[in-house]
Amino acid sequence: MRLILRIAGTWLIGLALVLLVIDGTRSLGANAVMFTSLADAWTSLHEPSLGAVRAFLDSRFFAELLERALDALLTYPAFAVFGVPGIVLALAGRTPRRERFVRQDQI
């Protein structure tokens, strides 16, 4: 399970770094800080799937709450949306340290 968590975390961190490089390049070209929101990245990749997700969420029990949560998520920078879960998954998949505290005579 740890291997799967580490692989998924590594892929998400890699995707976040690619998106951060794209934002950095756009910022250098515009001479201003520019971030690509998740909505912009999603619509440029595959717009019909965003509509399908919205239609799916409209058919759920808490449709209004889910729609607001999706709208809030879509306004965040794309690199942060993928980077934060990637870091959490990578940290969750790391091997536990056995010896955190070592006595002086054990060194």
N, C-alpha and C. Protein backbone atom coordinates (compact mmCIF):
# COMPACT_ATOMS: atom_id res chain seq x y z
N MET A 1 0.82 -1.19 0.00
CA MET A 1 0.00 0.00 0.00
C MET A 1 0.87 1.26 0.00
N ARG A 2 1.99 1.19 0.73
CA ARG A 2 2.86 2.36 0.78
C ARG A 2 3.44 2.67 -0.60
N LEU A 3 3.72 1.64 -1.37
CA LEU A 3 4.26 1.84 -2.71
C LEU A 3 3.25 2.56 -3.59
N ILE A 4 2.00 2.17 -3.51
CA ILE A 4 0.95 2.82 -4.31
C ILE A 4 0.80 4.28 -3.89
N LEU A 5 0.83 4.55 -2.59
CA LEU A 5 0.72 5.93 -2.11
C LEU A 5 1.90 6.77 -2.60
N ARG A 6 3.10 6.20 -2.54
CA ARG A 6 4.28 6.95 -2.97
C ARG A 6 4.27 7.20 -4.48
N ILE A 7 3.84 6.22 -5.25
CA ILE A 7 3.78 6.40 -6.70
C ILE A 7 2.73 7.45 -7.06
N ALA A 8 1.55 7.37 -6.45
CA ALA A 8 0.50 8.36 -6.73
C ALA A 8 0.96 9.75 -6.29
N GLY A 9 1.60 9.86 -5.14
CA GLY A 9 2.11 11.14 -4.68
C GLY A 9 3.17 11.71 -5.59
N THR A 10 4.05 10.85 -6.09
CA THR A 10 5.10 11.30 -6.99
C THR A 10 4.52 11.80 -8.31
N TRP A 11 3.52 11.11 -8.84
CA TRP A 11 2.89 11.55 -10.07
C TRP A 11 2.18 12.89 -9.88
N LEU A 12 1.48 13.05 -8.77
CA LEU A 12 0.79 14.31 -8.52
C LEU A 12 1.77 15.46 -8.32
N ILE A 13 2.87 15.20 -7.63
CA ILE A 13 3.89 16.25 -7.45
C ILE A 13 4.53 16.59 -8.79
N GLY A 14 4.78 15.60 -9.62
CA GLY A 14 5.33 15.86 -10.95
C GLY A 14 4.38 16.69 -11.81
N LEU A 15 3.10 16.38 -11.77
CA LEU A 15 2.11 17.16 -12.50
C LEU A 15 2.05 18.59 -11.98
N ALA A 16 2.12 18.74 -10.66
CA ALA A 16 2.10 20.08 -10.07
C ALA A 16 3.33 20.88 -10.49
N LEU A 17 4.48 20.23 -10.57
CA LEU A 17 5.69 20.94 -11.01
C LEU A 17 5.60 21.36 -12.48
N VAL A 18 5.02 20.52 -13.31
CA VAL A 18 4.83 20.89 -14.72
C VAL A 18 3.90 22.10 -14.82
N LEU A 19 2.81 22.08 -14.07
CA LEU A 19 1.88 23.21 -14.08
C LEU A 19 2.52 24.47 -13.51
N LEU A 20 3.38 24.32 -12.52
CA LEU A 20 4.08 25.46 -11.96
C LEU A 20 5.07 26.05 -12.95
N VAL A 21 5.75 25.22 -13.72
CA VAL A 21 6.66 25.71 -14.76
C VAL A 21 5.89 26.46 -15.84
N ILE A 22 4.72 25.93 -16.22
CA ILE A 22 3.89 26.62 -17.20
C ILE A 22 3.47 27.99 -16.68
N ASP A 23 3.03 28.05 -15.43
CA ASP A 23 2.64 29.33 -14.84
C ASP A 23 3.82 30.28 -14.73
N GLY A 24 4.99 29.75 -14.40
CA GLY A 24 6.17 30.59 -14.31
C GLY A 24 6.57 31.17 -15.65
N THR A 25 6.45 30.37 -16.70
CA THR A 25 6.77 30.84 -18.04
C THR A 25 5.78 31.92 -18.49
N ARG A 26 4.51 31.70 -18.20
CA ARG A 26 3.51 32.72 -18.54
C ARG A 26 3.73 33.99 -17.74
N SER A 27 4.14 33.87 -16.49
CA SER A 27 4.41 35.04 -15.66
C SER A 27 5.61 35.83 -16.18
N LEU A 28 6.64 35.14 -16.63
CA LEU A 28 7.80 35.82 -17.19
C LEU A 28 7.43 36.55 -18.47
N GLY A 29 6.61 35.95 -19.28
CA GLY A 29 6.21 36.58 -20.54
C GLY A 29 5.31 37.78 -20.34
N ALA A 30 4.51 37.77 -19.29
CA ALA A 30 3.57 38.87 -19.04
C ALA A 30 4.12 39.92 -18.09
N ASN A 31 5.28 39.69 -17.50
CA ASN A 31 5.87 40.58 -16.49
C ASN A 31 4.94 40.81 -15.31
N ALA A 32 4.16 39.81 -14.98
CA ALA A 32 3.26 39.85 -13.83
C ALA A 32 3.05 38.41 -13.37
N VAL A 33 2.67 38.27 -12.12
CA VAL A 33 2.42 36.93 -11.58
C VAL A 33 1.08 36.44 -12.12
N MET A 34 1.11 35.29 -12.78
CA MET A 34 -0.10 34.71 -13.35
C MET A 34 -0.20 33.24 -12.93
N PHE A 35 -1.38 32.87 -12.49
CA PHE A 35 -1.64 31.48 -12.12
C PHE A 35 -2.78 30.95 -12.99
N THR A 36 -2.66 29.72 -13.41
CA THR A 36 -3.71 29.05 -14.15
C THR A 36 -4.64 28.37 -13.16
N SER A 37 -5.91 28.74 -13.18
CA SER A 37 -6.85 28.10 -12.27
C SER A 37 -7.15 26.69 -12.76
N LEU A 38 -7.68 25.89 -11.87
CA LEU A 38 -8.01 24.52 -12.24
C LEU A 38 -9.08 24.50 -13.32
N ALA A 39 -10.00 25.45 -13.29
CA ALA A 39 -11.06 25.52 -14.30
C ALA A 39 -10.46 25.79 -15.67
N ASP A 40 -9.50 26.72 -15.76
CA ASP A 40 -8.87 27.01 -17.05
C ASP A 40 -8.09 25.81 -17.57
N ALA A 41 -7.37 25.15 -16.69
CA ALA A 41 -6.60 23.97 -17.11
C ALA A 41 -7.52 22.84 -17.55
N TRP A 42 -8.62 22.65 -16.82
CA TRP A 42 -9.55 21.57 -17.14
C TRP A 42 -10.26 21.84 -18.47
N THR A 43 -10.70 23.09 -18.69
CA THR A 43 -11.39 23.38 -19.93
C THR A 43 -10.46 23.31 -21.13
N SER A 44 -9.21 23.66 -20.95
CA SER A 44 -8.28 23.55 -22.08
C SER A 44 -7.92 22.10 -22.37
N LEU A 45 -8.00 21.24 -21.36
CA LEU A 45 -7.69 19.83 -21.57
C LEU A 45 -8.87 19.07 -22.17
N HIS A 46 -10.05 19.17 -21.53
CA HIS A 46 -11.23 18.44 -22.00
C HIS A 46 -12.47 19.07 -21.39
N GLU A 47 -13.07 20.01 -22.10
CA GLU A 47 -14.21 20.76 -21.57
C GLU A 47 -15.47 19.92 -21.35
N PRO A 48 -15.80 18.96 -22.23
CA PRO A 48 -17.03 18.18 -21.98
C PRO A 48 -17.01 17.40 -20.67
N SER A 49 -15.84 17.00 -20.20
CA SER A 49 -15.81 16.24 -18.94
C SER A 49 -16.15 17.14 -17.75
N LEU A 50 -15.84 18.41 -17.82
CA LEU A 50 -16.23 19.33 -16.75
C LEU A 50 -17.75 19.46 -16.70
N GLY A 51 -18.37 19.55 -17.85
CA GLY A 51 -19.83 19.57 -17.90
C GLY A 51 -20.44 18.28 -17.38
N ALA A 52 -19.79 17.15 -17.66
CA ALA A 52 -20.28 15.87 -17.17
C ALA A 52 -20.17 15.77 -15.65
N VAL A 53 -19.10 16.31 -15.09
CA VAL A 53 -18.94 16.31 -13.63
C VAL A 53 -20.01 17.19 -13.00
N ARG A 54 -20.26 18.35 -13.59
CA ARG A 54 -21.31 19.23 -13.06
C ARG A 54 -22.68 18.56 -13.13
N ALA A 55 -22.97 17.87 -14.24
CA ALA A 55 -24.26 17.16 -14.37
C ALA A 55 -24.36 16.03 -13.35
N PHE A 56 -23.24 15.34 -13.10
CA PHE A 56 -23.24 14.27 -12.10
C PHE A 56 -23.51 14.83 -10.71
N LEU A 57 -22.88 15.93 -10.38
CA LEU A 57 -23.07 16.52 -9.05
C LEU A 57 -24.47 17.10 -8.87
N ASP A 58 -25.10 17.55 -9.98
CA ASP A 58 -26.48 18.05 -9.89
C ASP A 58 -27.47 16.96 -9.55
N SER A 59 -27.14 15.72 -9.83
CA SER A 59 -28.05 14.61 -9.56
C SER A 59 -27.87 14.03 -8.16
N ARG A 60 -26.95 14.55 -7.38
CA ARG A 60 -26.69 14.04 -6.03
C ARG A 60 -27.59 14.72 -5.01
N PHE A 61 -27.59 14.22 -3.79
CA PHE A 61 -28.48 14.69 -2.73
C PHE A 61 -28.14 16.12 -2.31
N PHE A 62 -26.88 16.41 -2.05
CA PHE A 62 -26.45 17.73 -1.65
C PHE A 62 -25.91 18.49 -2.86
N ALA A 63 -26.73 18.62 -3.89
CA ALA A 63 -26.27 19.18 -5.16
C ALA A 63 -25.77 20.61 -5.02
N GLU A 64 -26.48 21.43 -4.26
CA GLU A 64 -26.08 22.84 -4.12
C GLU A 64 -24.75 22.95 -3.37
N LEU A 65 -24.59 22.18 -2.32
CA LEU A 65 -23.34 22.20 -1.56
C LEU A 65 -22.17 21.68 -2.40
N LEU A 66 -22.39 20.60 -3.14
CA LEU A 66 -21.34 20.05 -3.99
C LEU A 66 -20.97 21.00 -5.12
N GLU A 67 -21.97 21.71 -5.64
CA GLU A 67 -21.69 22.68 -6.70
C GLU A 67 -20.85 23.84 -6.18
N ARG A 68 -21.14 24.31 -4.99
CA ARG A 68 -20.34 25.38 -4.39
C ARG A 68 -18.92 24.92 -4.09
N ALA A 69 -18.79 23.68 -3.62
CA ALA A 69 -17.46 23.15 -3.33
C ALA A 69 -16.65 23.00 -4.62
N LEU A 70 -17.29 22.54 -5.68
CA LEU A 70 -16.60 22.41 -6.96
C LEU A 70 -16.20 23.78 -7.50
N ASP A 71 -17.09 24.76 -7.38
CA ASP A 71 -16.76 26.10 -7.85
C ASP A 71 -15.59 26.68 -7.08
N ALA A 72 -15.54 26.43 -5.77
CA ALA A 72 -14.42 26.91 -4.96
C ALA A 72 -13.12 26.21 -5.36
N LEU A 73 -13.19 24.92 -5.60
CA LEU A 73 -12.01 24.16 -5.99
C LEU A 73 -11.49 24.58 -7.36
N LEU A 74 -12.39 24.92 -8.25
CA LEU A 74 -11.99 25.32 -9.60
C LEU A 74 -11.31 26.68 -9.64
N THR A 75 -11.45 27.49 -8.60
CA THR A 75 -10.81 28.80 -8.59
C THR A 75 -9.37 28.74 -8.09
N TYR A 76 -8.97 27.67 -7.44
CA TYR A 76 -7.61 27.55 -6.92
C TYR A 76 -6.61 27.33 -8.05
N PRO A 77 -5.35 27.70 -7.84
CA PRO A 77 -4.33 27.40 -8.86
C PRO A 77 -4.20 25.89 -9.07
N ALA A 78 -4.01 25.52 -10.31
CA ALA A 78 -3.98 24.09 -10.66
C ALA A 78 -2.81 23.38 -10.01
N PHE A 79 -1.64 24.05 -9.90
CA PHE A 79 -0.49 23.38 -9.30
C PHE A 79 -0.73 23.09 -7.83
N ALA A 80 -1.48 23.94 -7.14
CA ALA A 80 -1.76 23.72 -5.72
C ALA A 80 -2.77 22.59 -5.52
N VAL A 81 -3.73 22.49 -6.44
CA VAL A 81 -4.76 21.45 -6.32
C VAL A 81 -4.14 20.07 -6.47
N PHE A 82 -3.11 19.94 -7.30
CA PHE A 82 -2.45 18.65 -7.47
C PHE A 82 -1.25 18.49 -6.53
N GLY A 83 -0.60 19.56 -6.17
CA GLY A 83 0.61 19.48 -5.36
C GLY A 83 0.36 19.12 -3.91
N VAL A 84 -0.64 19.72 -3.30
CA VAL A 84 -0.91 19.47 -1.88
C VAL A 84 -1.31 18.01 -1.63
N PRO A 85 -2.27 17.44 -2.38
CA PRO A 85 -2.54 16.01 -2.17
C PRO A 85 -1.36 15.12 -2.52
N GLY A 86 -0.55 15.54 -3.49
CA GLY A 86 0.64 14.75 -3.84
C GLY A 86 1.63 14.69 -2.69
N ILE A 87 1.84 15.82 -2.03
CA ILE A 87 2.75 15.84 -0.89
C ILE A 87 2.18 15.01 0.26
N VAL A 88 0.89 15.11 0.49
CA VAL A 88 0.26 14.33 1.57
C VAL A 88 0.37 12.84 1.28
N LEU A 89 0.12 12.43 0.04
CA LEU A 89 0.23 11.01 -0.30
C LEU A 89 1.66 10.51 -0.21
N ALA A 90 2.61 11.33 -0.65
CA ALA A 90 4.01 10.93 -0.58
C ALA A 90 4.46 10.80 0.87
N LEU A 91 4.01 11.69 1.72
CA LEU A 91 4.36 11.58 3.15
C LEU A 91 3.66 10.40 3.81
N ALA A 92 2.44 10.10 3.39
CA ALA A 92 1.73 8.96 3.97
C ALA A 92 2.36 7.64 3.53
N GLY A 93 3.01 7.62 2.38
CA GLY A 93 3.58 6.39 1.88
C GLY A 93 5.03 6.17 2.25
N ARG A 94 5.63 7.08 2.99
CA ARG A 94 7.04 6.89 3.34
C ARG A 94 7.19 5.82 4.41
N THR A 95 8.37 5.26 4.48
CA THR A 95 8.63 4.22 5.47
C THR A 95 8.80 4.85 6.84
N PRO A 96 8.25 4.22 7.87
CA PRO A 96 8.37 4.81 9.20
C PRO A 96 9.80 4.69 9.73
N ARG A 97 10.21 5.69 10.45
CA ARG A 97 11.54 5.67 11.05
C ARG A 97 11.48 4.83 12.31
N ARG A 98 12.39 3.91 12.44
CA ARG A 98 12.39 3.01 13.58
C ARG A 98 13.03 3.65 14.81
N GLU A 99 14.13 4.31 14.61
CA GLU A 99 14.87 4.86 15.74
C GLU A 99 14.81 6.38 15.70
N ARG A 100 13.83 6.92 16.38
CA ARG A 100 13.72 8.37 16.43
C ARG A 100 14.63 8.94 17.51
N PHE A 101 14.61 8.31 18.64
CA PHE A 101 15.41 8.79 19.75
C PHE A 101 16.44 7.72 20.11
N VAL A 102 17.68 8.09 20.07
CA VAL A 102 18.76 7.16 20.35
C VAL A 102 19.48 7.65 21.59
N ARG A 103 19.70 6.70 22.48
CA ARG A 103 20.46 7.08 23.69
C ARG A 103 21.93 7.27 23.36
N GLN A 104 22.64 7.94 24.24
CA GLN A 104 24.04 8.26 24.02
C GLN A 104 24.89 7.01 23.90
N ASP A 105 24.59 5.96 24.66
CA ASP A 105 25.39 4.75 24.61
C ASP A 105 25.12 3.89 23.37
N GLN A 106 24.07 4.18 22.61
CA GLN A 106 23.75 3.44 21.39
C GLN A 106 24.43 3.99 20.15
N ILE A 107 25.08 5.14 20.26
CA ILE A 107 25.73 5.76 19.09
C ILE A 107 27.02 5.07 18.77
